[in-house]
Amino acid sequence: MTSFEIPHEFLNILRSHLPFVDSGVLSALDDLAGLGLDSMGVVRLIVDLEDLYGVQVPDEILDEKTFATVASLWAALSPLMTRP
């Protein structure tokens, strides 16, 4: 697992962009592509996260590694987040 906690607010936004997620809890190791996050979903997710947290997501972190799992996405984005 991870050594950090992923906020529920982040998980709720993420969940809304995962068409194949069930009603269960998202795990840090859940595969985002396997849960239906595609390239258009990534774009919509980034816009929603930027709006929610008031940040600009840099192009340098927009790659497959960032969007591999719930934990990898949070690890890449959490330093940018300005509010819980």
Protein backbone atom coordinates (compact mmCIF):
# COMPACT_ATOMS: atom_id res chain seq x y z
CA MET A 1 0.00 0.00 0.00
CA THR A 2 1.03 3.62 0.30
CA SER A 3 2.63 5.54 3.12
CA PHE A 4 0.27 8.48 2.67
CA GLU A 5 -3.47 8.97 2.91
CA ILE A 6 -5.45 9.83 -0.19
CA PRO A 7 -8.22 12.34 0.64
CA HIS A 8 -11.85 11.33 0.12
CA GLU A 9 -12.50 14.50 -1.89
CA PHE A 10 -9.83 13.45 -4.40
CA LEU A 11 -11.15 9.88 -4.52
CA ASN A 12 -14.71 11.09 -5.12
CA ILE A 13 -13.66 13.22 -8.09
CA LEU A 14 -11.55 10.38 -9.44
CA ARG A 15 -14.41 7.91 -9.03
CA SER A 16 -16.67 10.11 -11.18
CA HIS A 17 -14.23 9.62 -14.08
CA LEU A 18 -13.94 5.83 -13.79
CA PRO A 19 -16.78 4.17 -15.72
CA PHE A 20 -15.93 0.63 -14.60
CA VAL A 21 -15.52 1.26 -10.88
CA ASP A 22 -18.06 -0.43 -8.66
CA SER A 23 -19.50 1.00 -5.48
CA GLY A 24 -16.64 -0.40 -3.39
CA VAL A 25 -13.68 1.46 -1.98
CA LEU A 26 -10.96 2.59 -4.36
CA SER A 27 -7.61 1.08 -3.45
CA ALA A 28 -4.32 2.94 -3.84
CA LEU A 29 -3.15 0.18 -6.19
CA ASP A 30 -6.23 0.14 -8.42
CA ASP A 31 -5.33 0.31 -12.12
CA LEU A 32 -6.93 3.44 -13.60
CA ALA A 33 -6.97 2.21 -17.21
CA GLY A 34 -8.57 -1.02 -16.05
CA LEU A 35 -11.30 1.04 -14.39
CA GLY A 36 -11.98 2.82 -17.68
CA LEU A 37 -9.88 5.98 -17.50
CA ASP A 38 -9.03 6.79 -21.12
CA SER A 39 -7.34 9.81 -22.71
CA MET A 40 -10.54 11.89 -22.85
CA GLY A 41 -11.27 10.93 -19.25
CA VAL A 42 -7.80 12.13 -18.25
CA VAL A 43 -8.49 15.52 -19.83
CA ARG A 44 -11.82 15.87 -18.03
CA LEU A 45 -10.31 14.66 -14.74
CA ILE A 46 -7.45 17.17 -14.94
CA VAL A 47 -9.89 20.03 -15.63
CA ASP A 48 -12.03 19.01 -12.66
CA LEU A 49 -9.02 18.71 -10.35
CA GLU A 50 -7.63 22.05 -11.49
CA ASP A 51 -11.01 23.67 -10.81
CA LEU A 52 -11.47 21.98 -7.44
CA TYR A 53 -7.99 22.64 -6.10
CA GLY A 54 -7.25 25.91 -7.92
CA VAL A 55 -4.03 24.61 -9.48
CA GLN A 56 -2.45 24.26 -12.90
CA VAL A 57 -1.27 20.72 -13.65
CA PRO A 58 2.07 20.92 -15.50
CA ASP A 59 2.43 19.09 -18.80
CA GLU A 60 5.60 17.41 -17.51
CA ILE A 61 3.63 15.08 -15.24
CA LEU A 62 1.00 14.11 -17.80
CA ASP A 63 2.24 10.66 -18.72
CA GLU A 64 1.26 7.00 -18.40
CA LYS A 65 3.22 6.53 -15.19
CA THR A 66 1.28 9.31 -13.45
CA PHE A 67 -2.05 7.80 -14.47
CA ALA A 68 -1.17 4.15 -13.77
CA THR A 69 -2.80 3.79 -10.33
CA VAL A 70 -4.76 5.79 -7.80
CA ALA A 71 -1.58 6.15 -5.71
CA SER A 72 0.64 7.24 -8.60
CA LEU A 73 -1.87 9.91 -9.59
CA TRP A 74 -2.19 11.23 -6.04
CA ALA A 75 1.60 11.16 -5.55
CA ALA A 76 2.08 13.27 -8.68
CA LEU A 77 -0.72 15.74 -7.96
CA SER A 78 -0.69 16.08 -4.17
CA PRO A 79 2.26 18.51 -4.09
CA LEU A 80 0.17 20.87 -6.22
CA MET A 81 -2.94 20.78 -4.08
CA THR A 82 -3.58 23.87 -1.98
CA ARG A 83 -6.58 22.75 0.01
CA PRO A 84 -7.76 19.45 1.54
